[in-house]
Amino acid sequence: MAETLLIKGNEALAEGAIRGGCRFYAGYPITPQSEILEWMGKRQKEVGGVFVQGESEIASVNMVFAARALGVRALTSSSGPGFSLKQEGIAYWVSAEIPGVVACVQRYGIGDGFIGAGQDNYWQAVKGGGNGDYHLITLAPNSVQENMDMAYESFELAEKWMHPVLILSDATIGQMVEPCEVRPYKEYDKDKYDWAVKGTPIGEKNKVVTDKTYNEDIDEWNAGYLAKCRRIIEEEQRWESVCVDDAEVVFMAYGISSRVAEGAVSKARAKGIKLGLIRPITLWPFPRKAFAELSENCKALVTVEMNMMGQLREDVMLYSKCKYPVHAFTTAYKVPAVDDLIGYAEGIIAGTVKEEEVF
């Protein structure tokens, strides 16, 4: 029988990474993700790994580059402005095809922002974040269990594609406490991959891990990278659909917002109001295939987001090919309320809520 813990979301993410083979962590404290760092500080010693509290986010992300180049499964994590500081390093992971993993526990606010709940990092997470043409494979947990499970699988997913993975959690999921089924430890040999840097016999050429766009034919690298991205898009789209087959209004939400939206669907259905939900589990690749499940009765899509500008909305418009009106129900730093979502959907059905301009 699997072990079950009553555990905080951030701690579950850290424990999932450890049980998935993570043996190097470098990071810097920032609310609301500091429990990841604290848990790693305790647990890495227990499993024979290495923990470093870097002098900065910039130092930490580059330590993970080095550890991952040696073959070690390595993680860094942050939030808000700390995640912004990591972007240059993460862009180098992409160009060097380093399968590193980063976790961002979102909070609310521009610049230094606030330490409370929010979903402000969507654009940054799925549109690249740093310089150049790239996306990160982006997973969006909506429970403590999914924090554990996504961290647990993240390294194998990154190694499958030789591409970085981002776990985009949020402050509410990170700070809540729920029962969580613990995963078994994975055995991992850091020397098993040809790409890992390790000692070479005298006379053999040393291996170098660096920016491949400098050291390979750029046209060949570009073509290979685009082809890989297309395969990721085709094979890795993940989502959950709830009551969409006859829904008149369908919510689009991830993270904590998706849990409230699912509650709204359940309560509305009990009243005879036909609402549904599509929950993206991968934010990139965006689950564009999910829109094929919608009924002809669908009058509108509504993104539910804890930010000001409805960051998810433009992707919903893009990938639904503007077949439906798309609204954004935004709450800034407040967790949305079930009854407010139902009331908003009823207004759309009645024709009293109009579609607004996209920011």
Protein backbone atom coordinates (compact mmCIF):
# COMPACT_ATOMS: atom_id res chain seq x y z
CA MET A 1 0.00 0.00 0.00
CA ALA A 2 1.39 3.39 -1.02
CA GLU A 3 2.43 5.79 1.71
CA THR A 4 0.24 8.89 2.07
CA LEU A 5 1.44 12.12 3.63
CA LEU A 6 -0.45 15.21 4.76
CA ILE A 7 1.92 17.69 3.16
CA LYS A 8 2.19 21.23 1.81
CA GLY A 9 2.22 21.70 -1.96
CA ASN A 10 5.74 23.15 -2.14
CA GLU A 11 7.10 20.32 -0.03
CA ALA A 12 5.32 17.77 -2.23
CA LEU A 13 6.95 19.28 -5.31
CA ALA A 14 10.39 19.03 -3.73
CA GLU A 15 9.80 15.48 -2.50
CA GLY A 16 8.48 14.44 -5.92
CA ALA A 17 11.65 15.76 -7.56
CA ILE A 18 13.86 13.90 -5.06
CA ARG A 19 12.00 10.62 -5.57
CA GLY A 20 12.25 11.21 -9.31
CA GLY A 21 16.04 11.21 -9.05
CA CYS A 22 16.93 14.86 -8.37
CA ARG A 23 20.31 14.91 -6.63
CA PHE A 24 21.25 18.54 -7.08
CA TYR A 25 19.31 21.63 -6.10
CA ALA A 26 20.40 25.26 -6.23
CA GLY A 27 18.09 28.13 -5.38
CA TYR A 28 17.49 31.31 -3.46
CA PRO A 29 14.71 32.04 -0.95
CA ILE A 30 11.64 33.92 -2.13
CA THR A 31 8.03 33.77 -0.93
CA PRO A 32 5.85 31.80 -1.70
CA GLN A 33 8.23 29.01 -2.80
CA SER A 34 10.82 28.97 -0.02
CA GLU A 35 9.57 25.65 1.35
CA ILE A 36 10.96 23.97 -1.80
CA LEU A 37 14.41 25.26 -0.91
CA GLU A 38 14.00 24.37 2.77
CA TRP A 39 12.80 20.84 2.01
CA MET A 40 15.68 20.32 -0.41
CA GLY A 41 18.13 21.58 2.20
CA LYS A 42 17.02 18.79 4.53
CA ARG A 43 16.37 15.97 2.09
CA GLN A 44 19.33 16.20 -0.30
CA LYS A 45 21.70 15.33 2.53
CA GLU A 46 19.54 12.33 3.42
CA VAL A 47 19.60 10.91 -0.12
CA GLY A 48 23.26 11.66 -0.87
CA GLY A 49 22.57 14.66 -3.07
CA VAL A 50 23.87 18.22 -3.08
CA PHE A 51 22.03 21.33 -1.89
CA VAL A 52 23.29 24.85 -2.57
CA GLN A 53 21.65 28.07 -1.47
CA GLY A 54 23.15 30.24 -4.18
CA GLU A 55 24.14 33.84 -3.66
CA SER A 56 21.46 34.79 -6.21
CA GLU A 57 18.91 33.39 -8.62
CA ILE A 58 21.35 33.99 -11.47
CA ALA A 59 24.07 31.95 -9.80
CA SER A 60 21.62 29.18 -8.94
CA VAL A 61 20.25 28.70 -12.45
CA ASN A 62 23.78 28.44 -13.84
CA MET A 63 24.79 25.94 -11.16
CA VAL A 64 21.92 23.78 -12.38
CA PHE A 65 23.24 24.14 -15.96
CA ALA A 66 26.60 22.76 -14.80
CA ALA A 67 25.16 19.93 -12.71
CA ARG A 68 22.80 18.87 -15.49
CA ALA A 69 25.67 18.92 -18.02
CA LEU A 70 27.38 16.36 -15.77
CA GLY A 71 24.31 14.15 -16.05
CA VAL A 72 22.89 14.83 -12.58
CA ARG A 73 19.16 15.42 -12.35
CA ALA A 74 19.01 19.01 -11.14
CA LEU A 75 16.31 21.49 -10.13
CA THR A 76 15.99 25.17 -9.35
CA SER A 77 12.90 27.08 -8.24
CA SER A 78 11.69 30.61 -7.65
CA SER A 79 8.75 33.01 -7.90
CA GLY A 80 7.92 36.41 -9.40
CA PRO A 81 11.00 38.60 -9.85
CA GLY A 82 13.29 35.70 -8.90
CA PHE A 83 11.96 33.68 -11.83
CA SER A 84 12.64 36.68 -14.07
CA LEU A 85 16.28 36.68 -13.01
CA LYS A 86 16.63 33.07 -14.15
CA GLN A 87 15.50 33.70 -17.73
CA GLU A 88 18.92 34.19 -19.34
CA GLY A 89 20.20 30.97 -17.79
CA ILE A 90 17.11 29.03 -18.88
CA ALA A 91 17.51 30.33 -22.45
CA TYR A 92 21.04 28.89 -22.39
CA TRP A 93 19.61 25.55 -21.23
CA VAL A 94 17.47 25.53 -24.38
CA SER A 95 20.30 26.43 -26.74
CA ALA A 96 22.57 23.79 -25.20
CA GLU A 97 19.76 21.19 -25.11
CA ILE A 98 20.15 20.79 -21.35
CA PRO A 99 17.19 18.87 -19.86
CA GLY A 100 16.98 20.94 -16.69
CA VAL A 101 13.85 21.46 -14.59
CA VAL A 102 12.68 24.73 -13.06
CA ALA A 103 9.67 25.35 -10.82
CA CYS A 104 7.92 28.72 -10.58
CA VAL A 105 5.39 29.21 -7.79
CA GLN A 106 3.47 32.20 -9.09
CA ARG A 107 2.56 35.23 -7.02
CA TYR A 108 0.82 38.50 -7.84
CA GLY A 109 2.24 41.85 -8.87
CA ILE A 110 4.46 43.74 -11.29
CA GLY A 111 8.12 44.36 -10.48
CA ASP A 112 8.79 43.24 -6.93
CA GLY A 113 5.07 42.54 -6.60
CA PHE A 114 3.42 41.04 -3.57
CA ILE A 115 3.94 37.75 -1.75
CA GLY A 116 0.34 36.55 -2.04
CA ALA A 117 -1.57 34.42 -4.53
CA GLY A 118 -1.59 35.14 -8.25
CA GLN A 119 -1.11 33.76 -11.77
CA ASP A 120 1.04 36.47 -13.29
CA ASN A 121 3.68 34.38 -15.07
CA TYR A 122 1.66 32.80 -17.88
CA TRP A 123 3.01 34.99 -20.69
CA GLN A 124 6.56 34.67 -19.38
CA ALA A 125 6.20 30.91 -18.99
CA VAL A 126 4.76 29.99 -22.38
CA LYS A 127 6.19 32.71 -24.65
CA GLY A 128 9.84 31.99 -23.89
CA GLY A 129 10.76 34.36 -21.06
CA GLY A 130 14.31 34.98 -22.26
CA ASN A 131 15.78 35.94 -25.61
CA GLY A 132 15.29 33.99 -28.82
CA ASP A 133 12.74 31.67 -30.40
CA TYR A 134 11.83 29.00 -27.86
CA HIS A 135 9.20 27.51 -25.62
CA LEU A 136 9.53 25.50 -22.42
CA ILE A 137 7.52 22.34 -21.87
CA THR A 138 5.23 23.77 -19.21
CA LEU A 139 3.24 21.67 -16.72
CA ALA A 140 0.46 23.23 -14.63
CA PRO A 141 -0.42 21.34 -11.41
CA ASN A 142 -3.72 22.08 -9.68
CA SER A 143 -3.25 20.05 -6.48
CA VAL A 144 -0.64 18.99 -3.96
CA GLN A 145 -0.70 15.53 -5.54
CA GLU A 146 0.00 16.95 -8.99
CA ASN A 147 2.88 19.02 -7.58
CA MET A 148 4.36 15.70 -6.44
CA ASP A 149 3.54 13.79 -9.64
CA MET A 150 4.68 16.43 -12.13
CA ALA A 151 7.98 16.97 -10.34
CA TYR A 152 8.42 13.19 -10.21
CA GLU A 153 8.05 12.79 -14.00
CA SER A 154 9.67 16.07 -15.04
CA PHE A 155 13.23 14.80 -15.47
CA GLU A 156 12.28 11.89 -17.69
CA LEU A 157 10.11 14.24 -19.77
CA ALA A 158 13.01 16.68 -20.11
CA GLU A 159 15.42 13.87 -21.03
CA LYS A 160 12.98 12.41 -23.55
CA TRP A 161 13.08 15.64 -25.54
CA MET A 162 16.45 17.04 -24.40
CA HIS A 163 14.56 20.18 -23.53
CA PRO A 164 13.89 22.08 -20.28
CA VAL A 165 10.67 21.55 -18.33
CA LEU A 166 8.91 24.23 -16.28
CA ILE A 167 6.50 23.35 -13.47
CA LEU A 168 4.21 26.38 -13.22
CA SER A 169 2.55 26.12 -9.83
CA ASP A 170 0.96 28.99 -7.90
CA ALA A 171 1.03 30.33 -4.37
CA THR A 172 -2.30 28.81 -3.36
CA ILE A 173 -1.38 25.31 -4.54
CA GLY A 174 2.11 25.69 -3.08
CA GLN A 175 0.88 26.72 0.36
CA MET A 176 -2.16 24.47 0.75
CA VAL A 177 -1.96 21.19 2.68
CA GLU A 178 -3.60 18.05 1.28
CA PRO A 179 -3.17 14.27 1.48
CA CYS A 180 -0.60 13.13 -1.07
CA GLU A 181 0.37 9.64 -2.20
CA VAL A 182 4.15 9.36 -2.17
CA ARG A 183 5.95 7.94 -5.22
CA PRO A 184 8.67 5.26 -5.07
CA TYR A 185 12.30 6.25 -5.53
CA LYS A 186 13.62 6.02 -9.08
CA GLU A 187 17.06 4.58 -9.74
CA TYR A 188 19.09 6.89 -11.94
CA ASP A 189 22.59 6.57 -13.38
CA LYS A 190 24.02 10.01 -14.14
CA ASP A 191 26.60 8.46 -16.51
CA LYS A 192 24.20 6.52 -18.71
CA TYR A 193 23.63 9.25 -21.30
CA ASP A 194 26.06 9.98 -24.12
CA TRP A 195 25.48 13.70 -23.73
CA ALA A 196 26.65 13.80 -20.09
CA VAL A 197 30.12 15.26 -19.50
CA LYS A 198 32.41 12.86 -17.65
CA GLY A 199 36.06 11.90 -17.57
CA THR A 200 37.59 10.54 -20.79
CA PRO A 201 40.63 8.27 -21.23
CA ILE A 202 43.89 9.89 -22.27
CA GLY A 203 43.94 10.44 -26.00
CA GLU A 204 40.17 10.62 -26.42
CA LYS A 205 38.44 13.91 -27.20
CA ASN A 206 36.93 15.70 -24.24
CA LYS A 207 33.20 16.34 -24.32
CA VAL A 208 31.93 19.92 -24.25
CA VAL A 209 28.38 21.02 -23.43
CA THR A 210 27.71 24.55 -24.64
CA ASP A 211 25.44 26.68 -26.81
CA LYS A 212 24.83 24.46 -29.84
CA THR A 213 23.83 27.43 -32.00
CA TYR A 214 27.50 28.52 -31.86
CA ASN A 215 29.02 25.10 -32.51
CA GLU A 216 26.74 23.50 -35.07
CA ASP A 217 25.52 24.49 -38.51
CA ILE A 218 22.83 27.03 -37.63
CA ASP A 219 20.44 26.02 -40.42
CA GLU A 220 20.64 22.37 -39.41
CA TRP A 221 20.16 23.22 -35.74
CA ASN A 222 17.18 25.46 -36.50
CA ALA A 223 15.51 22.80 -38.63
CA GLY A 224 16.10 20.14 -35.99
CA TYR A 225 14.80 22.31 -33.19
CA LEU A 226 11.62 23.24 -35.06
CA ALA A 227 11.00 19.62 -35.96
CA LYS A 228 11.40 18.66 -32.29
CA CYS A 229 8.95 21.37 -31.22
CA ARG A 230 6.39 20.07 -33.71
CA ARG A 231 6.76 16.55 -32.31
CA ILE A 232 6.34 17.86 -28.76
CA ILE A 233 3.17 19.70 -29.82
CA GLU A 234 1.76 16.55 -31.37
CA GLU A 235 2.68 14.11 -28.60
CA GLU A 236 2.58 16.02 -25.31
CA GLN A 237 -0.71 17.94 -25.27
CA ARG A 238 -2.48 17.16 -21.98
CA TRP A 239 -5.77 18.40 -20.63
CA GLU A 240 -8.82 17.49 -18.58
CA SER A 241 -12.35 18.09 -19.84
CA VAL A 242 -15.39 18.37 -17.58
CA CYS A 243 -18.96 18.38 -18.98
CA VAL A 244 -18.02 20.01 -22.29
CA ASP A 245 -20.13 17.81 -24.58
CA ASP A 246 -23.28 19.94 -24.16
CA ALA A 247 -21.96 23.05 -22.37
CA GLU A 248 -23.18 26.50 -23.39
CA VAL A 249 -20.27 28.22 -21.63
CA VAL A 250 -16.90 26.53 -21.14
CA PHE A 251 -14.34 27.78 -18.62
CA MET A 252 -10.62 27.61 -19.45
CA ALA A 253 -8.48 27.58 -16.32
CA TYR A 254 -5.35 26.05 -14.79
CA GLY A 255 -3.91 25.81 -11.29
CA ILE A 256 -6.06 26.94 -8.38
CA SER A 257 -8.46 28.75 -10.75
CA SER A 258 -9.33 25.43 -12.39
CA ARG A 259 -10.41 23.96 -9.08
CA VAL A 260 -12.81 26.84 -8.47
CA ALA A 261 -14.07 26.59 -12.05
CA GLU A 262 -14.75 22.88 -11.63
CA GLY A 263 -16.71 23.68 -8.47
CA ALA A 264 -18.73 26.23 -10.45
CA VAL A 265 -19.50 23.66 -13.15
CA SER A 266 -20.70 21.15 -10.54
CA LYS A 267 -22.91 23.66 -8.71
CA ALA A 268 -24.32 25.12 -11.93
CA ARG A 269 -25.15 21.69 -13.33
CA ALA A 270 -27.18 20.97 -10.19
CA LYS A 271 -29.25 24.03 -11.11
CA GLY A 272 -29.64 23.01 -14.75
CA ILE A 273 -27.09 25.52 -16.06
CA LYS A 274 -24.91 23.90 -18.72
CA LEU A 275 -21.35 24.89 -17.92
CA GLY A 276 -18.14 23.02 -18.71
CA LEU A 277 -14.40 23.22 -18.13
CA ILE A 278 -11.24 22.57 -20.11
CA ARG A 279 -8.22 22.45 -17.82
CA PRO A 280 -4.87 22.68 -19.64
CA ILE A 281 -2.40 20.37 -17.92
CA THR A 282 0.31 21.37 -20.36
CA LEU A 283 0.35 25.11 -20.98
CA TRP A 284 2.96 24.50 -23.67
CA PRO A 285 2.24 22.67 -25.77
CA PHE A 286 -1.21 24.19 -25.41
CA PRO A 287 -3.93 21.50 -25.66
CA ARG A 288 -5.44 22.76 -28.91
CA LYS A 289 -6.96 19.33 -29.56
CA ALA A 290 -9.32 19.90 -26.62
CA PHE A 291 -11.47 22.31 -28.62
CA ALA A 292 -12.63 19.47 -30.87
CA GLU A 293 -14.67 18.19 -27.91
CA LEU A 294 -16.87 21.28 -27.70
CA SER A 295 -20.52 21.06 -28.65
CA GLU A 296 -22.30 23.12 -31.29
CA ASN A 297 -24.28 24.65 -28.41
CA CYS A 298 -21.21 26.40 -27.01
CA LYS A 299 -21.85 30.15 -26.88
CA ALA A 300 -18.53 31.30 -25.39
CA LEU A 301 -15.27 30.40 -23.70
CA VAL A 302 -14.23 32.08 -20.44
CA THR A 303 -10.69 32.09 -19.06
CA VAL A 304 -10.53 32.22 -15.26
CA GLU A 305 -7.28 33.84 -14.13
CA MET A 306 -5.70 35.44 -11.08
CA ASN A 307 -4.13 38.36 -12.92
CA MET A 308 -5.29 41.68 -14.34
CA MET A 309 -5.00 41.28 -18.08
CA GLY A 310 -6.32 37.82 -18.87
CA GLN A 311 -3.01 36.38 -20.03
CA LEU A 312 -4.46 32.99 -20.98
CA ARG A 313 -7.15 34.55 -23.15
CA GLU A 314 -5.13 35.30 -26.28
CA ASP A 315 -3.93 31.68 -26.53
CA VAL A 316 -7.49 30.42 -26.15
CA MET A 317 -8.52 32.71 -29.01
CA LEU A 318 -5.56 31.55 -31.11
CA TYR A 319 -5.95 27.82 -30.62
CA SER A 320 -9.75 27.81 -30.83
CA LYS A 321 -9.27 29.74 -34.11
CA CYS A 322 -11.65 32.42 -32.85
CA LYS A 323 -14.60 30.11 -33.42
CA TYR A 324 -16.23 31.33 -30.19
CA PRO A 325 -16.31 34.60 -28.27
CA VAL A 326 -13.62 34.47 -25.57
CA HIS A 327 -14.02 36.31 -22.28
CA ALA A 328 -11.56 36.74 -19.41
CA PHE A 329 -12.77 36.55 -15.81
CA THR A 330 -9.83 38.07 -13.93
CA THR A 331 -9.48 38.51 -10.18
CA ALA A 332 -5.93 39.92 -9.76
CA TYR A 333 -4.74 38.59 -6.37
CA LYS A 334 -8.06 37.10 -5.19
CA VAL A 335 -9.00 33.46 -5.54
CA PRO A 336 -12.18 33.47 -7.68
CA ALA A 337 -15.50 32.53 -6.11
CA VAL A 338 -17.78 29.78 -7.42
CA ASP A 339 -20.94 31.91 -7.34
CA ASP A 340 -19.24 34.79 -9.15
CA LEU A 341 -18.23 32.45 -11.99
CA ILE A 342 -21.74 31.08 -12.27
CA GLY A 343 -23.21 34.60 -12.34
CA TYR A 344 -20.75 35.67 -15.04
CA ALA A 345 -21.63 32.64 -17.19
CA GLU A 346 -25.34 33.29 -16.74
CA GLY A 347 -24.77 36.84 -18.00
CA ILE A 348 -23.09 35.48 -21.13
CA ILE A 349 -25.95 33.08 -21.77
CA ALA A 350 -28.46 35.92 -21.27
CA GLY A 351 -26.50 38.22 -23.58
CA THR A 352 -25.79 40.88 -20.95
CA VAL A 353 -22.01 40.26 -20.76
CA LYS A 354 -20.10 41.51 -23.79
CA GLU A 355 -16.68 40.47 -25.07
CA GLU A 356 -13.95 42.99 -24.21
CA GLU A 357 -10.79 44.03 -26.03
CA VAL A 358 -7.68 41.96 -25.50
CA PHE A 359 -4.83 43.75 -23.71
